[in-house]
Amino acid sequence: MAARKGAGVLELAVLGLLHEAPMHGYELRKRLNALLGMFRAFSYGSLYPCLKQLLADGMIIEDRSAEENTPLALQSRRSKIVYKLTADGKERLQQLLTEAGPAAWEDEGFGVHFAFFSHTRADVRLRILEGRRSRLEERLEGVRAALARTRERVDSYTLELQNHGLESVEREVRWLNELIGRERAEQEQQAQSAKRIDQDMPRDEGR
């Protein structure tokens, strides 16, 4: 399925959530609001066009067999439909999870990618974390330059707001440094374990 501009984040979120478990529209809306609501004002109106497109592309299917078990309070046409991931949908999800370019570093894209890091390859996780850190370091330079230019010309409240923004970015950079250090340590440990196994194999075969 060709990527559609502006749909990538929602597409990843929907496929990722359905990979965890089939869901009806009501539950999917709640989960998406919890996931995407941290990064943007999630529009419910964008969900069903996304589901319609995923259905047309064969990424998901509708399962109406659960209608009888749907609570009365949820008895609407949409809530009775359970959406499930197809084999093509799983393949598409894996494709999206390997994308580590600039789109995955932005506020919204990074948050959703990070939410599914447990399904993401270690090398991809590290590239996304490092890319995010690089993007925030660029942002820090801009904020600091703006503060230096305007410090003497703004009131105390505006200055406090700017300092708050600066501290927030600095805090996230420190958090990313910790995550990157942890990822690198885990990868190094796995590499050493694999090396030891390779070194032990000839001795085992010779016994």
N, C-alpha and C. Protein backbone atom coordinates (compact mmCIF):
# COMPACT_ATOMS: atom_id res chain seq x y z
N MET A 1 0.86 -1.19 0.00
CA MET A 1 0.00 0.00 0.00
C MET A 1 0.88 1.22 0.00
N ALA A 2 0.64 2.10 -0.93
CA ALA A 2 1.43 3.31 -1.00
C ALA A 2 1.14 4.19 0.20
N ALA A 3 2.21 4.80 0.70
CA ALA A 3 2.04 5.67 1.86
C ALA A 3 1.26 6.90 1.47
N ARG A 4 0.37 7.34 2.31
CA ARG A 4 -0.40 8.54 2.05
C ARG A 4 0.03 9.61 3.03
N LYS A 5 0.34 10.77 2.47
CA LYS A 5 0.81 11.88 3.28
C LYS A 5 -0.22 12.22 4.34
N GLY A 6 0.22 12.34 5.58
CA GLY A 6 -0.65 12.72 6.67
C GLY A 6 -1.39 11.57 7.31
N ALA A 7 -1.32 10.39 6.70
CA ALA A 7 -2.05 9.24 7.24
C ALA A 7 -1.14 8.26 7.96
N GLY A 8 0.16 8.45 7.86
CA GLY A 8 1.09 7.47 8.39
C GLY A 8 0.98 7.23 9.87
N VAL A 9 0.85 8.29 10.66
CA VAL A 9 0.79 8.14 12.11
C VAL A 9 -0.46 7.38 12.54
N LEU A 10 -1.60 7.78 12.00
CA LEU A 10 -2.85 7.11 12.35
C LEU A 10 -2.86 5.68 11.85
N GLU A 11 -2.35 5.46 10.66
CA GLU A 11 -2.27 4.11 10.10
C GLU A 11 -1.42 3.21 11.00
N LEU A 12 -0.27 3.70 11.42
CA LEU A 12 0.60 2.92 12.30
C LEU A 12 -0.10 2.63 13.62
N ALA A 13 -0.77 3.64 14.18
CA ALA A 13 -1.46 3.46 15.45
C ALA A 13 -2.56 2.42 15.35
N VAL A 14 -3.36 2.48 14.29
CA VAL A 14 -4.46 1.53 14.12
C VAL A 14 -3.93 0.11 13.94
N LEU A 15 -2.97 -0.04 13.04
CA LEU A 15 -2.42 -1.38 12.79
C LEU A 15 -1.72 -1.93 14.03
N GLY A 16 -1.01 -1.06 14.74
CA GLY A 16 -0.32 -1.49 15.94
C GLY A 16 -1.27 -1.95 17.02
N LEU A 17 -2.35 -1.22 17.21
CA LEU A 17 -3.32 -1.61 18.23
C LEU A 17 -4.06 -2.89 17.84
N LEU A 18 -4.41 -3.03 16.57
CA LEU A 18 -5.10 -4.24 16.14
C LEU A 18 -4.16 -5.44 16.14
N HIS A 19 -2.87 -5.20 16.05
CA HIS A 19 -1.91 -6.30 16.16
C HIS A 19 -1.94 -6.87 17.59
N GLU A 20 -2.20 -6.00 18.57
CA GLU A 20 -2.25 -6.45 19.96
C GLU A 20 -3.52 -7.26 20.22
N ALA A 21 -4.63 -6.85 19.59
CA ALA A 21 -5.90 -7.57 19.77
C ALA A 21 -6.93 -7.01 18.81
N PRO A 22 -7.84 -7.87 18.30
CA PRO A 22 -8.96 -7.35 17.50
C PRO A 22 -9.82 -6.43 18.36
N MET A 23 -10.39 -5.42 17.76
CA MET A 23 -11.21 -4.45 18.52
C MET A 23 -12.38 -3.98 17.68
N HIS A 24 -13.46 -3.63 18.37
CA HIS A 24 -14.55 -2.94 17.68
C HIS A 24 -14.25 -1.44 17.67
N GLY A 25 -15.00 -0.71 16.89
CA GLY A 25 -14.71 0.70 16.70
C GLY A 25 -14.68 1.50 17.97
N TYR A 26 -15.58 1.21 18.90
CA TYR A 26 -15.65 1.99 20.14
C TYR A 26 -14.37 1.83 20.95
N GLU A 27 -13.93 0.58 21.10
CA GLU A 27 -12.71 0.32 21.87
C GLU A 27 -11.49 0.91 21.17
N LEU A 28 -11.46 0.79 19.84
CA LEU A 28 -10.35 1.34 19.08
C LEU A 28 -10.27 2.85 19.23
N ARG A 29 -11.41 3.50 19.23
CA ARG A 29 -11.44 4.95 19.44
C ARG A 29 -10.86 5.32 20.80
N LYS A 30 -11.26 4.59 21.83
CA LYS A 30 -10.74 4.88 23.18
C LYS A 30 -9.24 4.68 23.25
N ARG A 31 -8.74 3.58 22.67
CA ARG A 31 -7.32 3.30 22.73
C ARG A 31 -6.53 4.33 21.93
N LEU A 32 -7.06 4.73 20.78
CA LEU A 32 -6.38 5.73 19.96
C LEU A 32 -6.35 7.09 20.67
N ASN A 33 -7.43 7.41 21.35
CA ASN A 33 -7.47 8.68 22.07
C ASN A 33 -6.42 8.69 23.17
N ALA A 34 -6.26 7.55 23.85
CA ALA A 34 -5.25 7.47 24.91
C ALA A 34 -3.84 7.54 24.32
N LEU A 35 -3.66 6.94 23.14
CA LEU A 35 -2.34 6.91 22.52
C LEU A 35 -2.01 8.22 21.83
N LEU A 36 -2.91 8.69 20.96
CA LEU A 36 -2.62 9.88 20.17
C LEU A 36 -2.95 11.16 20.92
N GLY A 37 -3.84 11.06 21.90
CA GLY A 37 -4.23 12.27 22.61
C GLY A 37 -3.09 12.94 23.34
N MET A 38 -2.03 12.16 23.63
CA MET A 38 -0.86 12.74 24.30
C MET A 38 -0.07 13.62 23.35
N PHE A 39 -0.26 13.43 22.03
CA PHE A 39 0.57 14.12 21.07
C PHE A 39 -0.20 15.10 20.21
N ARG A 40 -1.52 14.95 20.13
CA ARG A 40 -2.31 15.88 19.33
C ARG A 40 -3.77 15.73 19.73
N ALA A 41 -4.59 16.64 19.27
CA ALA A 41 -6.02 16.53 19.49
C ALA A 41 -6.55 15.53 18.46
N PHE A 42 -6.79 14.31 18.91
CA PHE A 42 -7.20 13.25 17.99
C PHE A 42 -8.63 13.49 17.52
N SER A 43 -8.82 13.46 16.23
CA SER A 43 -10.14 13.65 15.64
C SER A 43 -10.77 12.30 15.35
N TYR A 44 -11.91 12.02 16.01
CA TYR A 44 -12.59 10.76 15.74
C TYR A 44 -13.04 10.67 14.29
N GLY A 45 -13.28 11.83 13.68
CA GLY A 45 -13.73 11.84 12.29
C GLY A 45 -12.68 11.30 11.33
N SER A 46 -11.42 11.24 11.77
CA SER A 46 -10.37 10.73 10.89
C SER A 46 -10.22 9.22 11.01
N LEU A 47 -10.81 8.61 12.04
CA LEU A 47 -10.63 7.18 12.25
C LEU A 47 -11.34 6.35 11.19
N TYR A 48 -12.62 6.60 10.96
CA TYR A 48 -13.38 5.74 10.08
C TYR A 48 -12.95 5.84 8.62
N PRO A 49 -12.55 7.02 8.11
CA PRO A 49 -11.95 7.03 6.77
C PRO A 49 -10.67 6.20 6.70
N CYS A 50 -9.89 6.22 7.78
CA CYS A 50 -8.67 5.41 7.83
C CYS A 50 -9.02 3.93 7.81
N LEU A 51 -10.01 3.52 8.60
CA LEU A 51 -10.44 2.12 8.62
C LEU A 51 -10.98 1.70 7.25
N LYS A 52 -11.73 2.58 6.63
CA LYS A 52 -12.29 2.29 5.30
C LYS A 52 -11.17 2.03 4.30
N GLN A 53 -10.13 2.86 4.35
CA GLN A 53 -9.01 2.70 3.43
C GLN A 53 -8.24 1.42 3.71
N LEU A 54 -8.03 1.12 5.00
CA LEU A 54 -7.33 -0.11 5.37
C LEU A 54 -8.12 -1.34 4.94
N LEU A 55 -9.44 -1.27 5.03
CA LEU A 55 -10.28 -2.37 4.56
C LEU A 55 -10.14 -2.54 3.05
N ALA A 56 -10.18 -1.42 2.33
CA ALA A 56 -10.07 -1.47 0.87
C ALA A 56 -8.72 -2.02 0.44
N ASP A 57 -7.70 -1.73 1.22
CA ASP A 57 -6.35 -2.19 0.89
C ASP A 57 -6.07 -3.61 1.37
N GLY A 58 -7.03 -4.20 2.08
CA GLY A 58 -6.86 -5.57 2.55
C GLY A 58 -5.97 -5.70 3.77
N MET A 59 -5.75 -4.59 4.49
CA MET A 59 -4.91 -4.63 5.68
C MET A 59 -5.67 -5.12 6.90
N ILE A 60 -6.97 -4.91 6.92
CA ILE A 60 -7.81 -5.36 8.01
C ILE A 60 -9.09 -5.96 7.42
N ILE A 61 -9.80 -6.73 8.24
CA ILE A 61 -11.09 -7.27 7.84
C ILE A 61 -12.11 -6.96 8.92
N GLU A 62 -13.38 -7.03 8.55
CA GLU A 62 -14.47 -6.86 9.51
C GLU A 62 -14.98 -8.23 9.94
N ASP A 63 -15.17 -8.39 11.22
CA ASP A 63 -15.72 -9.63 11.77
C ASP A 63 -17.00 -9.28 12.51
N ARG A 64 -18.13 -9.71 11.99
CA ARG A 64 -19.43 -9.38 12.60
C ARG A 64 -19.95 -10.51 13.48
N SER A 65 -19.14 -11.54 13.70
CA SER A 65 -19.61 -12.68 14.47
C SER A 65 -19.79 -12.37 15.94
N ALA A 66 -19.20 -11.24 16.41
CA ALA A 66 -19.27 -10.90 17.83
C ALA A 66 -20.47 -10.01 18.16
N GLU A 67 -21.36 -9.79 17.19
CA GLU A 67 -22.49 -8.88 17.42
C GLU A 67 -23.32 -9.30 18.62
N GLU A 68 -23.55 -10.59 18.79
CA GLU A 68 -24.44 -11.04 19.86
C GLU A 68 -23.86 -10.74 21.23
N ASN A 69 -22.54 -10.64 21.32
CA ASN A 69 -21.90 -10.40 22.62
C ASN A 69 -21.62 -8.93 22.90
N THR A 70 -22.02 -8.06 21.98
CA THR A 70 -21.77 -6.63 22.17
C THR A 70 -22.72 -6.06 23.23
N PRO A 71 -22.22 -5.35 24.23
CA PRO A 71 -23.09 -4.75 25.25
C PRO A 71 -24.17 -3.88 24.63
N LEU A 72 -25.31 -3.84 25.28
CA LEU A 72 -26.44 -3.09 24.76
C LEU A 72 -26.08 -1.62 24.57
N ALA A 73 -25.30 -1.07 25.49
CA ALA A 73 -24.94 0.35 25.40
C ALA A 73 -24.12 0.65 24.17
N LEU A 74 -23.53 -0.39 23.56
CA LEU A 74 -22.68 -0.18 22.39
C LEU A 74 -23.35 -0.64 21.11
N GLN A 75 -24.67 -0.86 21.16
CA GLN A 75 -25.37 -1.42 20.02
C GLN A 75 -25.55 -0.37 18.93
N SER A 76 -24.52 -0.13 18.16
CA SER A 76 -24.60 0.72 16.97
C SER A 76 -23.99 -0.06 15.83
N ARG A 77 -24.22 0.38 14.63
CA ARG A 77 -23.72 -0.35 13.47
C ARG A 77 -22.21 -0.50 13.54
N ARG A 78 -21.51 0.56 13.91
CA ARG A 78 -20.06 0.52 13.91
C ARG A 78 -19.50 -0.28 15.08
N SER A 79 -20.13 -0.15 16.26
CA SER A 79 -19.57 -0.82 17.43
C SER A 79 -19.71 -2.34 17.34
N LYS A 80 -20.64 -2.84 16.50
CA LYS A 80 -20.82 -4.28 16.37
C LYS A 80 -19.73 -4.92 15.52
N ILE A 81 -19.03 -4.12 14.75
CA ILE A 81 -17.99 -4.64 13.86
C ILE A 81 -16.68 -4.75 14.60
N VAL A 82 -16.10 -5.93 14.58
CA VAL A 82 -14.77 -6.13 15.16
C VAL A 82 -13.75 -6.12 14.02
N TYR A 83 -12.73 -5.29 14.17
CA TYR A 83 -11.70 -5.18 13.15
C TYR A 83 -10.51 -6.07 13.52
N LYS A 84 -10.04 -6.82 12.53
CA LYS A 84 -8.91 -7.71 12.73
C LYS A 84 -7.84 -7.46 11.68
N LEU A 85 -6.60 -7.68 12.07
CA LEU A 85 -5.46 -7.51 11.18
C LEU A 85 -5.36 -8.73 10.25
N THR A 86 -5.05 -8.48 8.99
CA THR A 86 -4.81 -9.56 8.04
C THR A 86 -3.30 -9.81 7.94
N ALA A 87 -2.93 -10.82 7.17
CA ALA A 87 -1.50 -11.09 6.95
C ALA A 87 -0.85 -9.90 6.26
N ASP A 88 -1.56 -9.29 5.29
CA ASP A 88 -1.03 -8.10 4.63
C ASP A 88 -0.90 -6.95 5.61
N GLY A 89 -1.84 -6.86 6.55
CA GLY A 89 -1.78 -5.80 7.55
C GLY A 89 -0.59 -5.97 8.47
N LYS A 90 -0.29 -7.21 8.83
CA LYS A 90 0.88 -7.47 9.67
C LYS A 90 2.16 -7.12 8.93
N GLU A 91 2.18 -7.43 7.64
CA GLU A 91 3.36 -7.11 6.83
C GLU A 91 3.53 -5.59 6.72
N ARG A 92 2.42 -4.90 6.53
CA ARG A 92 2.46 -3.44 6.43
C ARG A 92 2.91 -2.83 7.75
N LEU A 93 2.45 -3.38 8.86
CA LEU A 93 2.86 -2.88 10.17
C LEU A 93 4.36 -3.03 10.34
N GLN A 94 4.90 -4.16 9.97
CA GLN A 94 6.34 -4.36 10.09
C GLN A 94 7.10 -3.38 9.22
N GLN A 95 6.55 -3.09 8.05
CA GLN A 95 7.18 -2.10 7.17
C GLN A 95 7.20 -0.72 7.83
N LEU A 96 6.09 -0.33 8.43
CA LEU A 96 6.01 0.97 9.10
C LEU A 96 6.95 1.03 10.30
N LEU A 97 7.09 -0.11 10.98
CA LEU A 97 7.94 -0.13 12.17
C LEU A 97 9.42 -0.08 11.84
N THR A 98 9.77 -0.29 10.58
CA THR A 98 11.18 -0.21 10.20
C THR A 98 11.55 1.19 9.72
N GLU A 99 10.57 2.07 9.57
CA GLU A 99 10.84 3.43 9.09
C GLU A 99 11.46 4.24 10.22
N ALA A 100 12.66 4.73 9.98
CA ALA A 100 13.39 5.46 11.03
C ALA A 100 13.83 6.82 10.55
N GLY A 101 13.17 7.36 9.53
CA GLY A 101 13.55 8.65 8.97
C GLY A 101 12.99 9.81 9.76
N PRO A 102 13.16 11.03 9.24
CA PRO A 102 12.74 12.25 9.96
C PRO A 102 11.29 12.25 10.43
N ALA A 103 10.39 11.61 9.69
CA ALA A 103 8.99 11.60 10.12
C ALA A 103 8.82 10.91 11.47
N ALA A 104 9.70 9.96 11.77
CA ALA A 104 9.63 9.24 13.04
C ALA A 104 10.25 10.02 14.18
N TRP A 105 10.88 11.16 13.89
CA TRP A 105 11.53 11.95 14.93
C TRP A 105 10.65 13.08 15.43
N GLU A 106 9.65 13.46 14.64
CA GLU A 106 8.79 14.58 15.03
C GLU A 106 7.94 14.21 16.23
N ASP A 107 7.37 15.23 16.88
CA ASP A 107 6.63 15.02 18.13
C ASP A 107 5.60 13.90 18.01
N GLU A 108 4.72 14.02 17.03
CA GLU A 108 3.61 13.08 16.88
C GLU A 108 4.11 11.71 16.42
N GLY A 109 4.95 11.70 15.38
CA GLY A 109 5.45 10.44 14.85
C GLY A 109 6.30 9.69 15.86
N PHE A 110 7.13 10.41 16.60
CA PHE A 110 8.00 9.76 17.57
C PHE A 110 7.17 9.08 18.67
N GLY A 111 6.16 9.77 19.16
CA GLY A 111 5.35 9.22 20.24
C GLY A 111 4.70 7.91 19.86
N VAL A 112 4.15 7.83 18.65
CA VAL A 112 3.47 6.61 18.23
C VAL A 112 4.49 5.50 17.95
N HIS A 113 5.60 5.83 17.30
CA HIS A 113 6.64 4.83 17.10
C HIS A 113 7.14 4.28 18.44
N PHE A 114 7.33 5.19 19.40
CA PHE A 114 7.84 4.77 20.70
C PHE A 114 6.85 3.84 21.39
N ALA A 115 5.56 4.09 21.20
CA ALA A 115 4.53 3.25 21.84
C ALA A 115 4.61 1.80 21.38
N PHE A 116 5.19 1.58 20.18
CA PHE A 116 5.28 0.22 19.65
C PHE A 116 6.74 -0.25 19.56
N PHE A 117 7.59 0.31 20.40
CA PHE A 117 9.00 -0.08 20.40
C PHE A 117 9.19 -1.56 20.74
N SER A 118 8.28 -2.15 21.50
CA SER A 118 8.44 -3.56 21.86
C SER A 118 8.32 -4.46 20.63
N HIS A 119 7.73 -3.94 19.54
CA HIS A 119 7.59 -4.70 18.29
C HIS A 119 8.62 -4.27 17.25
N THR A 120 9.53 -3.38 17.64
CA THR A 120 10.48 -2.78 16.70
C THR A 120 11.87 -3.35 16.89
N ARG A 121 12.58 -3.55 15.79
CA ARG A 121 13.95 -4.06 15.87
C ARG A 121 14.84 -3.11 16.65
N ALA A 122 15.83 -3.67 17.34
CA ALA A 122 16.71 -2.88 18.20
C ALA A 122 17.46 -1.81 17.43
N ASP A 123 17.95 -2.14 16.23
CA ASP A 123 18.70 -1.16 15.46
C ASP A 123 17.82 0.00 15.01
N VAL A 124 16.56 -0.30 14.71
CA VAL A 124 15.62 0.76 14.31
C VAL A 124 15.29 1.64 15.50
N ARG A 125 15.08 1.02 16.65
CA ARG A 125 14.80 1.81 17.87
C ARG A 125 15.93 2.81 18.11
N LEU A 126 17.16 2.34 17.99
CA LEU A 126 18.30 3.20 18.26
C LEU A 126 18.37 4.35 17.26
N ARG A 127 18.11 4.07 15.98
CA ARG A 127 18.14 5.14 14.97
C ARG A 127 17.07 6.19 15.24
N ILE A 128 15.90 5.74 15.66
CA ILE A 128 14.82 6.69 15.95
C ILE A 128 15.17 7.54 17.17
N LEU A 129 15.68 6.91 18.21
CA LEU A 129 16.07 7.65 19.41
C LEU A 129 17.16 8.68 19.11
N GLU A 130 18.14 8.27 18.34
CA GLU A 130 19.23 9.20 18.00
C GLU A 130 18.74 10.32 17.09
N GLY A 131 17.83 9.98 16.17
CA GLY A 131 17.26 11.01 15.31
C GLY A 131 16.44 12.01 16.10
N ARG A 132 15.65 11.50 17.05
CA ARG A 132 14.84 12.37 17.90
C ARG A 132 15.74 13.30 18.71
N ARG A 133 16.81 12.74 19.27
CA ARG A 133 17.74 13.57 20.04
C ARG A 133 18.36 14.65 19.17
N SER A 134 18.76 14.29 17.96
CA SER A 134 19.33 15.28 17.05
C SER A 134 18.34 16.40 16.74
N ARG A 135 17.07 16.01 16.52
CA ARG A 135 16.05 17.02 16.23
C ARG A 135 15.85 17.97 17.42
N LEU A 136 15.84 17.41 18.62
CA LEU A 136 15.65 18.24 19.81
C LEU A 136 16.86 19.12 20.09
N GLU A 137 18.05 18.64 19.79
CA GLU A 137 19.24 19.46 19.97
C GLU A 137 19.21 20.65 19.03
N GLU A 138 18.71 20.45 17.82
CA GLU A 138 18.52 21.57 16.90
C GLU A 138 17.51 22.57 17.48
N ARG A 139 16.44 22.02 18.07
CA ARG A 139 15.42 22.88 18.66
C ARG A 139 15.98 23.67 19.83
N LEU A 140 16.84 23.02 20.62
CA LEU A 140 17.46 23.70 21.76
C LEU A 140 18.29 24.90 21.30
N GLU A 141 19.04 24.70 20.24
CA GLU A 141 19.85 25.81 19.73
C GLU A 141 18.97 26.98 19.34
N GLY A 142 17.85 26.69 18.69
CA GLY A 142 16.95 27.76 18.29
C GLY A 142 16.32 28.47 19.47
N VAL A 143 15.91 27.71 20.48
CA VAL A 143 15.29 28.32 21.67
C VAL A 143 16.30 29.18 22.42
N ARG A 144 17.51 28.66 22.57
CA ARG A 144 18.53 29.43 23.28
C ARG A 144 18.88 30.71 22.53
N ALA A 145 18.95 30.63 21.22
CA ALA A 145 19.25 31.83 20.42
C ALA A 145 18.13 32.85 20.56
N ALA A 146 16.88 32.37 20.57
CA ALA A 146 15.74 33.28 20.72
C ALA A 146 15.75 33.94 22.10
N LEU A 147 16.09 33.16 23.12
CA LEU A 147 16.17 33.71 24.47
C LEU A 147 17.24 34.78 24.57
N ALA A 148 18.37 34.54 23.95
CA ALA A 148 19.46 35.50 24.00
C ALA A 148 19.08 36.81 23.31
N ARG A 149 18.27 36.70 22.25
CA ARG A 149 17.88 37.90 21.51
C ARG A 149 16.80 38.69 22.22
N THR A 150 15.90 38.00 22.92
CA THR A 150 14.71 38.67 23.44
C THR A 150 14.71 38.86 24.95
N ARG A 151 15.70 38.32 25.65
CA ARG A 151 15.68 38.33 27.11
C ARG A 151 15.45 39.73 27.68
N GLU A 152 16.07 40.73 27.10
CA GLU A 152 15.97 42.09 27.62
C GLU A 152 14.73 42.82 27.15
N ARG A 153 13.97 42.21 26.23
CA ARG A 153 12.85 42.95 25.63
C ARG A 153 11.49 42.36 25.97
N VAL A 154 11.44 41.27 26.74
CA VAL A 154 10.16 40.66 27.06
C VAL A 154 9.86 40.79 28.54
N ASP A 155 8.58 40.67 28.89
CA ASP A 155 8.20 40.76 30.30
C ASP A 155 8.54 39.46 31.01
N SER A 156 8.41 39.48 32.32
CA SER A 156 8.85 38.34 33.14
C SER A 156 8.03 37.08 32.86
N TYR A 157 6.74 37.24 32.52
CA TYR A 157 5.91 36.07 32.27
C TYR A 157 6.29 35.38 30.96
N THR A 158 6.54 36.16 29.94
CA THR A 158 6.97 35.60 28.67
C THR A 158 8.32 34.91 28.84
N LEU A 159 9.19 35.52 29.63
CA LEU A 159 10.50 34.93 29.88
C LEU A 159 10.36 33.60 30.61
N GLU A 160 9.45 33.54 31.59
CA GLU A 160 9.21 32.30 32.31
C GLU A 160 8.70 31.21 31.37
N LEU A 161 7.83 31.59 30.46
CA LEU A 161 7.29 30.64 29.51
C LEU A 161 8.39 30.10 28.60
N GLN A 162 9.25 30.98 28.15
CA GLN A 162 10.35 30.55 27.29
C GLN A 162 11.31 29.64 28.05
N ASN A 163 11.59 29.99 29.30
CA ASN A 163 12.48 29.14 30.11
C ASN A 163 11.85 27.77 30.36
N HIS A 164 10.52 27.76 30.55
CA HIS A 164 9.82 26.49 30.75
C HIS A 164 9.96 25.60 29.52
N GLY A 165 9.81 26.21 28.33
CA GLY A 165 9.96 25.46 27.10
C GLY A 165 11.37 24.92 26.95
N LEU A 166 12.35 25.75 27.31
CA LEU A 166 13.74 25.31 27.24
C LEU A 166 14.01 24.15 28.18
N GLU A 167 13.51 24.24 29.40
CA GLU A 167 13.72 23.17 30.38
C GLU A 167 13.04 21.87 29.94
N SER A 168 11.88 21.98 29.30
CA SER A 168 11.17 20.79 28.85
C SER A 168 11.98 20.04 27.79
N VAL A 169 12.55 20.81 26.85
CA VAL A 169 13.35 20.17 25.80
C VAL A 169 14.63 19.57 26.39
N GLU A 170 15.27 20.31 27.30
CA GLU A 170 16.48 19.79 27.94
C GLU A 170 16.20 18.51 28.71
N ARG A 171 15.03 18.45 29.36
CA ARG A 171 14.65 17.26 30.12
C ARG A 171 14.45 16.06 29.18
N GLU A 172 13.84 16.30 28.03
CA GLU A 172 13.63 15.20 27.09
C GLU A 172 14.95 14.72 26.50
N VAL A 173 15.88 15.64 26.26
CA VAL A 173 17.19 15.25 25.74
C VAL A 173 17.91 14.35 26.76
N ARG A 174 17.82 14.70 28.05
CA ARG A 174 18.44 13.86 29.08
C ARG A 174 17.80 12.48 29.11
N TRP A 175 16.49 12.44 28.98
CA TRP A 175 15.76 11.17 28.94
C TRP A 175 16.19 10.33 27.75
N LEU A 176 16.33 10.98 26.59
CA LEU A 176 16.77 10.26 25.40
C LEU A 176 18.19 9.74 25.56
N ASN A 177 19.06 10.52 26.19
CA ASN A 177 20.42 10.06 26.43
C ASN A 177 20.43 8.79 27.27
N GLU A 178 19.56 8.74 28.26
CA GLU A 178 19.47 7.55 29.11
C GLU A 178 18.98 6.34 28.30
N LEU A 179 17.95 6.56 27.48
CA LEU A 179 17.41 5.47 26.67
C LEU A 179 18.44 4.97 25.66
N ILE A 180 19.14 5.90 25.02
CA ILE A 180 20.15 5.52 24.03
C ILE A 180 21.27 4.72 24.70
N GLY A 181 21.71 5.18 25.87
CA GLY A 181 22.74 4.45 26.60
C GLY A 181 22.28 3.05 26.95
N ARG A 182 21.03 2.92 27.35
CA ARG A 182 20.49 1.61 27.71
C ARG A 182 20.39 0.69 26.49
N GLU A 183 19.91 1.26 25.37
CA GLU A 183 19.80 0.47 24.15
C GLU A 183 21.17 -0.02 23.69
N ARG A 184 22.15 0.86 23.72
CA ARG A 184 23.49 0.47 23.28
C ARG A 184 24.07 -0.60 24.19
N ALA A 185 23.85 -0.47 25.49
CA ALA A 185 24.36 -1.46 26.43
C ALA A 185 23.72 -2.82 26.19
N GLU A 186 22.41 -2.83 25.95
CA GLU A 186 21.70 -4.09 25.71
C GLU A 186 22.17 -4.73 24.41
N GLN A 187 22.37 -3.91 23.38
CA GLN A 187 22.83 -4.45 22.10
C GLN A 187 24.24 -5.01 22.23
N GLU A 188 25.09 -4.31 22.98
CA GLU A 188 26.45 -4.79 23.20
C GLU A 188 26.45 -6.11 23.97
N GLN A 189 25.58 -6.18 24.96
CA GLN A 189 25.48 -7.41 25.74
C GLN A 189 25.00 -8.58 24.88
N GLN A 190 24.03 -8.33 24.02
CA GLN A 190 23.53 -9.37 23.12
C GLN A 190 24.60 -9.80 22.14
N ALA A 191 25.38 -8.82 21.64
CA ALA A 191 26.45 -9.14 20.70
C ALA A 191 27.52 -10.01 21.37
N GLN A 192 27.84 -9.68 22.60
CA GLN A 192 28.84 -10.46 23.33
C GLN A 192 28.33 -11.87 23.62
N SER A 193 27.04 -11.98 23.95
CA SER A 193 26.46 -13.30 24.20
C SER A 193 26.49 -14.16 22.94
N ALA A 194 26.14 -13.54 21.81
CA ALA A 194 26.16 -14.26 20.54
C ALA A 194 27.58 -14.68 20.18
N LYS A 195 28.55 -13.82 20.48
CA LYS A 195 29.95 -14.15 20.19
C LYS A 195 30.42 -15.33 21.03
N ARG A 196 30.01 -15.35 22.31
CA ARG A 196 30.40 -16.46 23.17
C ARG A 196 29.81 -17.77 22.69
N ILE A 197 28.56 -17.72 22.23
CA ILE A 197 27.90 -18.91 21.72
C ILE A 197 28.64 -19.43 20.49
N ASP A 198 29.02 -18.49 19.59
CA ASP A 198 29.75 -18.88 18.39
C ASP A 198 31.10 -19.51 18.75
N GLN A 199 31.75 -18.98 19.77
CA GLN A 199 33.05 -19.51 20.18
C GLN A 199 32.92 -20.88 20.83
N ASP A 200 31.80 -21.10 21.51
CA ASP A 200 31.60 -22.38 22.20
C ASP A 200 31.17 -23.51 21.26
N MET A 201 30.53 -23.15 20.15
CA MET A 201 29.98 -24.18 19.26
C MET A 201 31.03 -25.17 18.76
N PRO A 202 32.22 -24.78 18.28
CA PRO A 202 33.20 -25.76 17.81
C PRO A 202 33.60 -26.75 18.90
N ARG A 203 33.72 -26.29 20.15
CA ARG A 203 34.08 -27.18 21.25
C ARG A 203 32.98 -28.20 21.50
N ASP A 204 31.73 -27.73 21.42
CA ASP A 204 30.61 -28.66 21.61
C ASP A 204 30.58 -29.73 20.53
N GLU A 205 30.84 -29.31 19.27
CA GLU A 205 30.78 -30.25 18.16
C GLU A 205 31.90 -31.27 18.23
N GLY A 206 33.03 -30.89 18.89
CA GLY A 206 34.16 -31.78 18.93
C GLY A 206 34.08 -32.82 20.02
N ARG A 207 33.10 -32.67 20.91
CA ARG A 207 32.98 -33.63 22.01
C ARG A 207 32.35 -34.93 21.56
